[in-house]
Protein backbone atom coordinates (compact mmCIF):
# COMPACT_ATOMS: atom_id res chain seq x y z
CA MET A 1 -28.46 37.28 34.95
CA PRO A 2 -29.48 34.87 37.73
CA PRO A 3 -27.25 31.84 38.28
CA SER A 4 -30.08 29.38 37.69
CA LEU A 5 -30.68 30.85 34.22
CA LEU A 6 -26.97 30.60 33.44
CA ILE A 7 -26.91 26.95 34.52
CA PHE A 8 -30.04 26.25 32.48
CA PHE A 9 -28.52 27.93 29.39
CA THR A 10 -25.30 25.95 29.80
CA ILE A 11 -27.14 22.64 30.08
CA VAL A 12 -29.70 23.24 27.33
CA VAL A 13 -27.53 25.05 24.78
CA GLY A 14 -23.85 24.82 25.67
CA ILE A 15 -23.43 21.09 26.15
CA PRO A 16 -25.29 20.07 22.94
CA VAL A 17 -23.31 22.60 20.89
CA ILE A 18 -20.01 21.33 22.29
CA CYS A 19 -21.08 17.73 21.62
CA ALA A 20 -22.05 18.57 18.03
CA PHE A 21 -18.68 20.19 17.31
CA THR A 22 -16.84 17.30 18.93
CA TYR A 23 -18.81 14.76 16.87
CA ALA A 24 -18.17 16.67 13.64
CA ALA A 25 -14.43 16.76 14.35
CA TYR A 26 -14.46 13.03 15.12
CA GLU A 27 -16.25 12.24 11.83
CA ARG A 28 -13.74 14.31 9.89
CA GLN A 29 -10.88 12.46 11.56
CA LEU A 30 -12.44 9.08 10.67
CA LYS A 31 -12.84 10.09 7.02
CA HIS A 32 -9.23 11.20 6.91
CA ARG A 33 -8.06 7.88 8.38
CA GLU A 34 -10.13 5.97 5.80
CA LYS A 35 -8.55 7.92 2.94
CA MET A 36 -5.08 7.31 4.33
CA ALA A 37 -5.79 3.58 4.69
CA GLU A 38 -7.04 3.40 1.09
CA LYS A 39 -3.88 5.09 -0.18
CA LEU A 40 -1.66 2.78 1.83
CA ASN A 41 -3.56 -0.25 0.54
CA SER A 42 -3.19 0.84 -3.08
CA GLN A 43 0.53 1.45 -2.58
CA ALA A 44 0.92 -1.98 -0.99
CA ALA A 45 -0.94 -3.63 -3.88
CA GLU A 46 1.28 -1.85 -6.38
CA LYS A 47 4.42 -2.98 -4.55
CA ALA A 48 3.13 -6.55 -4.43
CA ALA A 49 2.58 -6.49 -8.20
CA GLN A 50 6.10 -5.17 -8.75
CA TYR A 51 7.57 -7.87 -6.52
CA ALA A 52 5.57 -10.56 -8.33
CA ALA A 53 6.82 -9.36 -11.72
CA HIS A 54 10.39 -9.23 -10.47
CA ASN A 55 10.05 -12.68 -8.96
CA GLU A 56 8.75 -14.05 -12.28
CA ARG A 57 11.75 -12.61 -14.14
CA LEU A 58 14.12 -14.18 -11.62
CA GLU A 59 12.38 -17.55 -11.92
CA GLN A 60 12.74 -17.44 -15.71
CA ARG A 61 16.45 -16.72 -15.41
CA VAL A 62 16.92 -19.55 -12.92
CA ARG A 63 15.12 -21.96 -15.28
CA VAL A 64 17.48 -20.98 -18.09
CA LEU A 65 20.51 -21.37 -15.86
CA GLU A 66 19.30 -24.78 -14.68
CA ARG A 67 18.82 -25.86 -18.27
CA ILE A 68 22.31 -24.65 -19.17
CA ALA A 69 23.86 -26.38 -16.15
CA THR A 70 22.22 -29.70 -16.98
CA ASP A 71 22.65 -29.45 -20.77
CA LYS A 72 25.54 -31.49 -22.15
CA GLY A 73 25.03 -30.27 -25.71
CA THR A 74 27.42 -28.28 -27.86
CA ASP A 75 25.17 -25.23 -27.89
CA LEU A 76 26.16 -24.34 -24.33
CA ALA A 77 28.63 -21.60 -25.33
CA ASP A 78 26.07 -20.04 -27.70
CA GLU A 79 23.42 -20.07 -24.97
CA ILE A 80 25.77 -18.36 -22.50
CA ASP A 81 26.65 -15.71 -25.07
CA ARG A 82 22.97 -15.06 -25.73
CA LEU A 83 22.37 -14.61 -22.01
CA ARG A 84 25.24 -12.13 -21.75
CA ASP A 85 23.86 -10.11 -24.63
CA ALA A 86 20.26 -10.18 -23.34
CA PRO A 87 19.10 -6.92 -21.71
CA LEU A 88 18.44 -7.03 -18.00
CA ASN A 89 14.86 -6.12 -17.04
């Protein structure tokens, strides 16, 4: 096979084939990264919802404690006992 034919074959066939494989691998990698980003985003959203719910429960408890601390009524002991008996979420 003459060298000029080998060079021609490499330029016309070899380089485009290599580029096509490289592009296909790059596309696959991009799709994989997109899927990973979507999963991470959904996990982050779920965590944020859990933190918001936990924060709401803590705010409710603080409101009750503030009311107890500022209440001068006789029901204070009953309120404290109810809080002790209440299940923790």
